[in-house]
């Protein structure tokens, strides 16, 4: 039981480190990419979108983070057995 708790804490720490590293990378990209960028998706967006590159980086990260969160969110039931049956 204690080994499983340590493993879970390590996983949580590893996830936190990865998220902080990605956020730090986004800050650096935002600091040095202040020029305009264009986004053209003809069948999805009505026209060409113009925005600072750093805003697009943050937007893409936010969408990817939300999609990843939704994909990783489980029902929390595991294999369907309760803790008493194990």
PDB file of N, CA and C in Angstrom:
ATOM      1  N   UNK A   1       0.819  -1.188   0.000  1.00  0.00           N
ATOM      2  CA  UNK A   1       0.000   0.000   0.000  1.00  0.00           C
ATOM      3  C   UNK A   1       0.867   1.258   0.000  1.00  0.00           C
ATOM      4  N   UNK A   2       1.926   1.240   0.791  1.00  0.00           N
ATOM      5  CA  UNK A   2       2.789   2.422   0.871  1.00  0.00           C
ATOM      6  C   UNK A   2       3.558   2.598  -0.433  1.00  0.00           C
ATOM      7  N   UNK A   3       3.972   1.515  -1.071  1.00  0.00           N
ATOM      8  CA  UNK A   3       4.677   1.601  -2.348  1.00  0.00           C
ATOM      9  C   UNK A   3       3.820   2.215  -3.436  1.00  0.00           C
ATOM     10  N   UNK A   4       2.536   1.886  -3.431  1.00  0.00           N
ATOM     11  CA  UNK A   4       1.618   2.456  -4.419  1.00  0.00           C
ATOM     12  C   UNK A   4       1.451   3.950  -4.193  1.00  0.00           C
ATOM     13  N   UNK A   5       1.420   4.383  -2.935  1.00  0.00           N
ATOM     14  CA  UNK A   5       1.281   5.814  -2.618  1.00  0.00           C
ATOM     15  C   UNK A   5       2.516   6.580  -3.091  1.00  0.00           C
ATOM     16  N   UNK A   6       3.713   6.017  -2.897  1.00  0.00           N
ATOM     17  CA  UNK A   6       4.936   6.676  -3.362  1.00  0.00           C
ATOM     18  C   UNK A   6       4.958   6.769  -4.882  1.00  0.00           C
ATOM     19  N   UNK A   7       4.493   5.702  -5.547  1.00  0.00           N
ATOM     20  CA  UNK A   7       4.434   5.699  -7.008  1.00  0.00           C
ATOM     21  C   UNK A   7       3.478   6.773  -7.503  1.00  0.00           C
ATOM     22  N   UNK A   8       2.329   6.930  -6.841  1.00  0.00           N
ATOM     23  CA  UNK A   8       1.363   7.947  -7.233  1.00  0.00           C
ATOM     24  C   UNK A   8       1.940   9.348  -7.022  1.00  0.00           C
ATOM     25  N   UNK A   9       2.646   9.552  -5.925  1.00  0.00           N
ATOM     26  CA  UNK A   9       3.252  10.855  -5.672  1.00  0.00           C
ATOM     27  C   UNK A   9       4.309  11.178  -6.723  1.00  0.00           C
ATOM     28  N   UNK A  10       5.070  10.176  -7.147  1.00  0.00           N
ATOM     29  CA  UNK A  10       6.071  10.398  -8.190  1.00  0.00           C
ATOM     30  C   UNK A  10       5.409  10.776  -9.511  1.00  0.00           C
ATOM     31  N   UNK A  11       4.311  10.105  -9.851  1.00  0.00           N
ATOM     32  CA  UNK A  11       3.596  10.424 -11.086  1.00  0.00           C
ATOM     33  C   UNK A  11       3.061  11.850 -11.046  1.00  0.00           C
ATOM     34  N   UNK A  12       2.508  12.247  -9.918  1.00  0.00           N
ATOM     35  CA  UNK A  12       1.989  13.600  -9.773  1.00  0.00           C
ATOM     36  C   UNK A  12       3.106  14.619  -9.886  1.00  0.00           C
ATOM     37  N   UNK A  13       4.228  14.349  -9.272  1.00  0.00           N
ATOM     38  CA  UNK A  13       5.372  15.256  -9.348  1.00  0.00           C
ATOM     39  C   UNK A  13       5.902  15.343 -10.779  1.00  0.00           C
ATOM     40  N   UNK A  14       5.982  14.220 -11.469  1.00  0.00           N
ATOM     41  CA  UNK A  14       6.463  14.212 -12.848  1.00  0.00           C
ATOM     42  C   UNK A  14       5.530  15.011 -13.756  1.00  0.00           C
ATOM     43  N   UNK A  15       4.216  14.847 -13.581  1.00  0.00           N
ATOM     44  CA  UNK A  15       3.262  15.612 -14.383  1.00  0.00           C
ATOM     45  C   UNK A  15       3.392  17.104 -14.114  1.00  0.00           C
ATOM     46  N   UNK A  16       3.570  17.474 -12.857  1.00  0.00           N
ATOM     47  CA  UNK A  16       3.712  18.889 -12.506  1.00  0.00           C
ATOM     48  C   UNK A  16       4.970  19.482 -13.129  1.00  0.00           C
ATOM     49  N   UNK A  17       6.063  18.739 -13.110  1.00  0.00           N
ATOM     50  CA  UNK A  17       7.320  19.221 -13.699  1.00  0.00           C
ATOM     51  C   UNK A  17       7.168  19.413 -15.204  1.00  0.00           C
ATOM     52  N   UNK A  18       6.511  18.483 -15.872  1.00  0.00           N
ATOM     53  CA  UNK A  18       6.313  18.597 -17.324  1.00  0.00           C
ATOM     54  C   UNK A  18       5.444  19.804 -17.655  1.00  0.00           C
ATOM     55  N   UNK A  19       4.369  20.012 -16.909  1.00  0.00           N
ATOM     56  CA  UNK A  19       3.492  21.159 -17.175  1.00  0.00           C
ATOM     57  C   UNK A  19       4.225  22.467 -16.932  1.00  0.00           C
ATOM     58  N   UNK A  20       5.022  22.552 -15.870  1.00  0.00           N
ATOM     59  CA  UNK A  20       5.786  23.771 -15.598  1.00  0.00           C
ATOM     60  C   UNK A  20       6.811  24.016 -16.700  1.00  0.00           C
ATOM     61  N   UNK A  21       7.459  22.959 -17.185  1.00  0.00           N
ATOM     62  CA  UNK A  21       8.438  23.117 -18.264  1.00  0.00           C
ATOM     63  C   UNK A  21       7.774  23.621 -19.546  1.00  0.00           C
ATOM     64  N   UNK A  22       6.606  23.089 -19.875  1.00  0.00           N
ATOM     65  CA  UNK A  22       5.899  23.532 -21.081  1.00  0.00           C
ATOM     66  C   UNK A  22       5.445  24.986 -20.925  1.00  0.00           C
ATOM     67  N   UNK A  23       4.958  25.348 -19.753  1.00  0.00           N
ATOM     68  CA  UNK A  23       4.551  26.736 -19.522  1.00  0.00           C
ATOM     69  C   UNK A  23       5.741  27.684 -19.606  1.00  0.00           C
ATOM     70  N   UNK A  24       6.902  27.264 -19.087  1.00  0.00           N
ATOM     71  CA  UNK A  24       8.105  28.097 -19.197  1.00  0.00           C
ATOM     72  C   UNK A  24       8.503  28.263 -20.660  1.00  0.00           C
ATOM     73  N   UNK A  25       8.381  27.211 -21.444  1.00  0.00           N
ATOM     74  CA  UNK A  25       8.673  27.295 -22.873  1.00  0.00           C
ATOM     75  C   UNK A  25       7.717  28.263 -23.561  1.00  0.00           C
ATOM     76  N   UNK A  26       6.444  28.245 -23.175  1.00  0.00           N
ATOM     77  CA  UNK A  26       5.478  29.182 -23.750  1.00  0.00           C
ATOM     78  C   UNK A  26       5.817  30.629 -23.403  1.00  0.00           C
ATOM     79  N   UNK A  27       6.287  30.860 -22.191  1.00  0.00           N
ATOM     80  CA  UNK A  27       6.678  32.217 -21.798  1.00  0.00           C
ATOM     81  C   UNK A  27       7.857  32.690 -22.644  1.00  0.00           C
ATOM     82  N   UNK A  28       8.843  31.819 -22.841  1.00  0.00           N
ATOM     83  CA  UNK A  28      10.008  32.189 -23.654  1.00  0.00           C
ATOM     84  C   UNK A  28       9.589  32.450 -25.095  1.00  0.00           C
ATOM     85  N   UNK A  29       8.704  31.612 -25.653  1.00  0.00           N
ATOM     86  CA  UNK A  29       8.231  31.838 -27.020  1.00  0.00           C
ATOM     87  C   UNK A  29       7.466  33.146 -27.115  1.00  0.00           C
ATOM     88  N   UNK A  30       6.683  33.463 -26.100  1.00  0.00           N
ATOM     89  CA  UNK A  30       5.935  34.709 -26.103  1.00  0.00           C
ATOM     90  C   UNK A  30       6.822  35.932 -26.013  1.00  0.00           C
ATOM     91  N   UNK A  31       7.940  35.803 -25.314  1.00  0.00           N
ATOM     92  CA  UNK A  31       8.854  36.939 -25.161  1.00  0.00           C
ATOM     93  C   UNK A  31       9.594  37.253 -26.459  1.00  0.00           C
ATOM     94  N   UNK A  32       9.939  36.252 -27.218  1.00  0.00           N
ATOM     95  CA  UNK A  32      10.787  36.461 -28.388  1.00  0.00           C
ATOM     96  C   UNK A  32      10.049  36.388 -29.724  1.00  0.00           C
ATOM     97  N   UNK A  33       8.783  36.041 -29.753  1.00  0.00           N
ATOM     98  CA  UNK A  33       8.016  35.961 -30.999  1.00  0.00           C
ATOM     99  C   UNK A  33       6.853  36.940 -30.925  1.00  0.00           C
ATOM    100  N   UNK A  34       7.166  38.198 -31.108  1.00  0.00           N
ATOM    101  CA  UNK A  34       6.139  39.238 -31.005  1.00  0.00           C
ATOM    102  C   UNK A  34       5.578  39.644 -32.361  1.00  0.00           C
ATOM    103  N   UNK A  35       6.091  39.080 -33.410  1.00  0.00           N
ATOM    104  CA  UNK A  35       5.597  39.420 -34.736  1.00  0.00           C
ATOM    105  C   UNK A  35       4.221  38.831 -34.997  1.00  0.00           C
ATOM    106  N   UNK A  36       3.595  39.336 -36.056  1.00  0.00           N
ATOM    107  CA  UNK A  36       2.281  38.821 -36.427  1.00  0.00           C
ATOM    108  C   UNK A  36       2.405  37.473 -37.127  1.00  0.00           C
ATOM    109  N   UNK A  37       1.407  36.646 -36.897  1.00  0.00           N
ATOM    110  CA  UNK A  37       1.309  35.355 -37.571  1.00  0.00           C
ATOM    111  C   UNK A  37      -0.087  35.259 -38.176  1.00  0.00           C
ATOM    112  N   UNK A  38      -0.192  34.522 -39.252  1.00  0.00           N
ATOM    113  CA  UNK A  38      -1.497  34.342 -39.889  1.00  0.00           C
ATOM    114  C   UNK A  38      -1.918  32.891 -39.766  1.00  0.00           C
ATOM    115  N   UNK A  39      -3.205  32.692 -39.649  1.00  0.00           N
ATOM    116  CA  UNK A  39      -3.791  31.359 -39.565  1.00  0.00           C
ATOM    117  C   UNK A  39      -4.895  31.295 -40.602  1.00  0.00           C
ATOM    118  N   UNK A  40      -4.764  30.366 -41.525  1.00  0.00           N
ATOM    119  CA  UNK A  40      -5.735  30.245 -42.609  1.00  0.00           C
ATOM    120  C   UNK A  40      -6.312  28.831 -42.607  1.00  0.00           C
ATOM    121  N   UNK A  41      -7.577  28.709 -42.221  1.00  0.00           N
ATOM    122  CA  UNK A  41      -8.302  27.444 -42.259  1.00  0.00           C
ATOM    123  C   UNK A  41      -9.584  27.692 -43.051  1.00  0.00           C
ATOM    124  N   UNK A  42      -9.526  27.529 -44.372  1.00  0.00           N
ATOM    125  CA  UNK A  42     -10.618  27.981 -45.226  1.00  0.00           C
ATOM    126  C   UNK A  42     -11.983  27.362 -44.936  1.00  0.00           C
ATOM    127  N   UNK A  43     -12.056  26.119 -44.571  1.00  0.00           N
ATOM    128  CA  UNK A  43     -13.356  25.486 -44.359  1.00  0.00           C
ATOM    129  C   UNK A  43     -13.872  25.663 -42.931  1.00  0.00           C
ATOM    130  N   UNK A  44     -13.020  26.137 -42.015  1.00  0.00           N
ATOM    131  CA  UNK A  44     -13.413  26.266 -40.618  1.00  0.00           C
ATOM    132  C   UNK A  44     -13.585  27.732 -40.221  1.00  0.00           C
ATOM    133  N   UNK A  45     -12.606  28.565 -40.549  1.00  0.00           N
ATOM    134  CA  UNK A  45     -12.657  29.981 -40.199  1.00  0.00           C
ATOM    135  C   UNK A  45     -13.090  30.793 -41.410  1.00  0.00           C
ATOM    136  N   UNK A  46     -13.843  31.874 -41.203  1.00  0.00           N
ATOM    137  CA  UNK A  46     -14.359  32.644 -42.340  1.00  0.00           C
ATOM    138  C   UNK A  46     -13.287  33.364 -43.152  1.00  0.00           C
ATOM    139  N   UNK A  47     -12.194  33.730 -42.543  1.00  0.00           N
ATOM    140  CA  UNK A  47     -11.150  34.430 -43.273  1.00  0.00           C
ATOM    141  C   UNK A  47      -9.803  34.155 -42.630  1.00  0.00           C
ATOM    142  N   UNK A  48      -8.789  34.823 -43.138  1.00  0.00           N
ATOM    143  CA  UNK A  48      -7.449  34.677 -42.580  1.00  0.00           C
ATOM    144  C   UNK A  48      -7.408  35.418 -41.244  1.00  0.00           C
ATOM    145  N   UNK A  49      -6.919  34.747 -40.216  1.00  0.00           N
ATOM    146  CA  UNK A  49      -6.814  35.330 -38.879  1.00  0.00           C
ATOM    147  C   UNK A  49      -5.408  35.868 -38.684  1.00  0.00           C
ATOM    148  N   UNK A  50      -5.306  37.113 -38.207  1.00  0.00           N
ATOM    149  CA  UNK A  50      -4.015  37.735 -37.910  1.00  0.00           C
ATOM    150  C   UNK A  50      -3.950  37.976 -36.412  1.00  0.00           C
ATOM    151  N   UNK A  51      -2.872  37.528 -35.783  1.00  0.00           N
ATOM    152  CA  UNK A  51      -2.677  37.730 -34.347  1.00  0.00           C
ATOM    153  C   UNK A  51      -1.185  37.640 -34.050  1.00  0.00           C
ATOM    154  N   UNK A  52      -0.759  38.199 -32.917  1.00  0.00           N
ATOM    155  CA  UNK A  52       0.642  38.008 -32.525  1.00  0.00           C
ATOM    156  C   UNK A  52       0.942  36.515 -32.347  1.00  0.00           C
ATOM    157  N   UNK A  53       2.145  36.143 -32.700  1.00  0.00           N
ATOM    158  CA  UNK A  53       2.519  34.727 -32.637  1.00  0.00           C
ATOM    159  C   UNK A  53       2.390  34.179 -31.226  1.00  0.00           C
ATOM    160  N   UNK A  54       2.731  34.984 -30.220  1.00  0.00           N
ATOM    161  CA  UNK A  54       2.660  34.483 -28.846  1.00  0.00           C
ATOM    162  C   UNK A  54       1.219  34.154 -28.462  1.00  0.00           C
ATOM    163  N   UNK A  55       0.264  34.922 -28.937  1.00  0.00           N
ATOM    164  CA  UNK A  55      -1.143  34.624 -28.626  1.00  0.00           C
ATOM    165  C   UNK A  55      -1.574  33.315 -29.280  1.00  0.00           C
ATOM    166  N   UNK A  56      -1.076  33.066 -30.483  1.00  0.00           N
ATOM    167  CA  UNK A  56      -1.418  31.801 -31.143  1.00  0.00           C
ATOM    168  C   UNK A  56      -0.800  30.621 -30.407  1.00  0.00           C
ATOM    169  N   UNK A  57       0.437  30.773 -29.918  1.00  0.00           N
ATOM    170  CA  UNK A  57       1.058  29.695 -29.149  1.00  0.00           C
ATOM    171  C   UNK A  57       0.223  29.368 -27.923  1.00  0.00           C
ATOM    172  N   UNK A  58      -0.198  30.411 -27.196  1.00  0.00           N
ATOM    173  CA  UNK A  58      -1.008  30.185 -25.997  1.00  0.00           C
ATOM    174  C   UNK A  58      -2.350  29.541 -26.357  1.00  0.00           C
ATOM    175  N   UNK A  59      -2.952  29.980 -27.434  1.00  0.00           N
ATOM    176  CA  UNK A  59      -4.233  29.400 -27.854  1.00  0.00           C
ATOM    177  C   UNK A  59      -4.104  27.940 -28.231  1.00  0.00           C
ATOM    178  N   UNK A  60      -3.063  27.609 -28.998  1.00  0.00           N
ATOM    179  CA  UNK A  60      -2.860  26.214 -29.387  1.00  0.00           C
ATOM    180  C   UNK A  60      -2.573  25.347 -28.165  1.00  0.00           C
ATOM    181  N   UNK A  61      -1.780  25.878 -27.230  1.00  0.00           N
ATOM    182  CA  UNK A  61      -1.494  25.130 -26.011  1.00  0.00           C
ATOM    183  C   UNK A  61      -2.775  24.900 -25.213  1.00  0.00           C
ATOM    184  N   UNK A  62      -3.591  25.936 -25.092  1.00  0.00           N
ATOM    185  CA  UNK A  62      -4.832  25.809 -24.307  1.00  0.00           C
ATOM    186  C   UNK A  62      -5.763  24.766 -24.914  1.00  0.00           C
ATOM    187  N   UNK A  63      -5.914  24.797 -26.223  1.00  0.00           N
ATOM    188  CA  UNK A  63      -6.781  23.817 -26.878  1.00  0.00           C
ATOM    189  C   UNK A  63      -6.207  22.408 -26.705  1.00  0.00           C
ATOM    190  N   UNK A  64      -4.921  22.253 -26.894  1.00  0.00           N
ATOM    191  CA  UNK A  64      -4.295  20.940 -26.723  1.00  0.00           C
ATOM    192  C   UNK A  64      -4.383  20.438 -25.291  1.00  0.00           C
ATOM    193  N   UNK A  65      -4.216  21.345 -24.332  1.00  0.00           N
ATOM    194  CA  UNK A  65      -4.302  20.964 -22.929  1.00  0.00           C
ATOM    195  C   UNK A  65      -5.712  20.508 -22.577  1.00  0.00           C
ATOM    196  N   UNK A  66      -6.701  21.240 -23.056  1.00  0.00           N
ATOM    197  CA  UNK A  66      -8.089  20.855 -22.777  1.00  0.00           C
ATOM    198  C   UNK A  66      -8.452  19.525 -23.428  1.00  0.00           C
ATOM    199  N   UNK A  67      -8.017  19.329 -24.665  1.00  0.00           N
ATOM    200  CA  UNK A  67      -8.304  18.059 -25.347  1.00  0.00           C
ATOM    201  C   UNK A  67      -7.607  16.902 -24.626  1.00  0.00           C
ATOM    202  N   UNK A  68      -6.363  17.099 -24.229  1.00  0.00           N
ATOM    203  CA  UNK A  68      -5.658  16.058 -23.486  1.00  0.00           C
ATOM    204  C   UNK A  68      -6.315  15.746 -22.159  1.00  0.00           C
ATOM    205  N   UNK A  69      -6.788  16.785 -21.476  1.00  0.00           N
ATOM    206  CA  UNK A  69      -7.480  16.577 -20.207  1.00  0.00           C
ATOM    207  C   UNK A  69      -8.757  15.787 -20.405  1.00  0.00           C
ATOM    208  N   UNK A  70      -9.510  16.122 -21.444  1.00  0.00           N
ATOM    209  CA  UNK A  70     -10.749  15.397 -21.710  1.00  0.00           C
ATOM    210  C   UNK A  70     -10.491  13.948 -22.095  1.00  0.00           C
ATOM    211  N   UNK A  71      -9.421  13.707 -22.852  1.00  0.00           N
ATOM    212  CA  UNK A  71      -9.114  12.338 -23.250  1.00  0.00           C
ATOM    213  C   UNK A  71      -8.614  11.499 -22.080  1.00  0.00           C
ATOM    214  N   UNK A  72      -7.888  12.114 -21.161  1.00  0.00           N
ATOM    215  CA  UNK A  72      -7.324  11.378 -20.032  1.00  0.00           C
ATOM    216  C   UNK A  72      -8.310  11.216 -18.884  1.00  0.00           C
ATOM    217  N   UNK A  73      -9.375  12.008 -18.872  1.00  0.00           N
ATOM    218  CA  UNK A  73     -10.353  11.910 -17.787  1.00  0.00           C
ATOM    219  C   UNK A  73     -11.126  10.611 -17.948  1.00  0.00           C
ATOM    220  N   UNK A  74     -11.023   9.772 -16.935  1.00  0.00           N
ATOM    221  CA  UNK A  74     -11.713   8.497 -16.991  1.00  0.00           C
ATOM    222  C   UNK A  74     -12.936   8.503 -16.105  1.00  0.00           C
ATOM    223  N   UNK A  75     -13.636   7.406 -16.115  1.00  0.00           N
ATOM    224  CA  UNK A  75     -14.810   7.272 -15.280  1.00  0.00           C
ATOM    225  C   UNK A  75     -14.467   7.063 -13.816  1.00  0.00           C
ATOM    226  N   UNK A  76     -13.226   6.692 -13.519  1.00  0.00           N
ATOM    227  CA  UNK A  76     -12.806   6.476 -12.151  1.00  0.00           C
ATOM    228  C   UNK A  76     -13.230   5.132 -11.578  1.00  0.00           C
ATOM    229  N   UNK A  77     -13.750   4.262 -12.406  1.00  0.00           N
ATOM    230  CA  UNK A  77     -14.239   2.974 -11.905  1.00  0.00           C
ATOM    231  C   UNK A  77     -13.210   1.866 -12.067  1.00  0.00           C
ATOM    232  N   UNK A  78     -12.177   2.087 -12.818  1.00  0.00           N
ATOM    233  CA  UNK A  78     -11.154   1.062 -13.008  1.00  0.00           C
ATOM    234  C   UNK A  78     -11.695  -0.127 -13.763  1.00  0.00           C
ATOM    235  N   UNK A  79     -11.514  -1.322 -13.187  1.00  0.00           N
ATOM    236  CA  UNK A  79     -11.964  -2.540 -13.861  1.00  0.00           C
ATOM    237  C   UNK A  79     -13.388  -2.924 -13.467  1.00  0.00           C
ATOM    238  N   UNK A  80     -14.039  -2.108 -12.680  1.00  0.00           N
ATOM    239  CA  UNK A  80     -15.415  -2.386 -12.319  1.00  0.00           C
ATOM    240  C   UNK A  80     -15.563  -3.098 -10.983  1.00  0.00           C
ATOM    241  N   UNK A  81     -14.454  -3.427 -10.330  1.00  0.00           N
ATOM    242  CA  UNK A  81     -14.518  -4.100  -9.034  1.00  0.00           C
ATOM    243  C   UNK A  81     -14.361  -3.087  -7.928  1.00  0.00           C
ATOM    244  N   UNK A  82     -15.059  -3.298  -6.848  1.00  0.00           N
ATOM    245  CA  UNK A  82     -14.907  -2.406  -5.705  1.00  0.00           C
ATOM    246  C   UNK A  82     -13.677  -2.800  -4.909  1.00  0.00           C
ATOM    247  N   UNK A  83     -13.284  -1.941  -3.988  1.00  0.00           N
ATOM    248  CA  UNK A  83     -12.098  -2.205  -3.178  1.00  0.00           C
ATOM    249  C   UNK A  83     -12.267  -3.398  -2.260  1.00  0.00           C
ATOM    250  N   UNK A  84     -13.487  -3.732  -1.874  1.00  0.00           N
ATOM    251  CA  UNK A  84     -13.726  -4.848  -0.964  1.00  0.00           C
ATOM    252  C   UNK A  84     -13.558  -6.201  -1.662  1.00  0.00           C
ATOM    253  N   UNK A  85     -13.761  -6.256  -2.967  1.00  0.00           N
ATOM    254  CA  UNK A  85     -13.687  -7.528  -3.684  1.00  0.00           C
ATOM    255  C   UNK A  85     -12.266  -7.956  -3.986  1.00  0.00           C
ATOM    256  N   UNK A  86     -11.309  -7.050  -3.871  1.00  0.00           N
ATOM    257  CA  UNK A  86      -9.918  -7.373  -4.236  1.00  0.00           C
ATOM    258  C   UNK A  86      -9.244  -8.233  -3.210  1.00  0.00           C
TER     259      UNK A  86
END
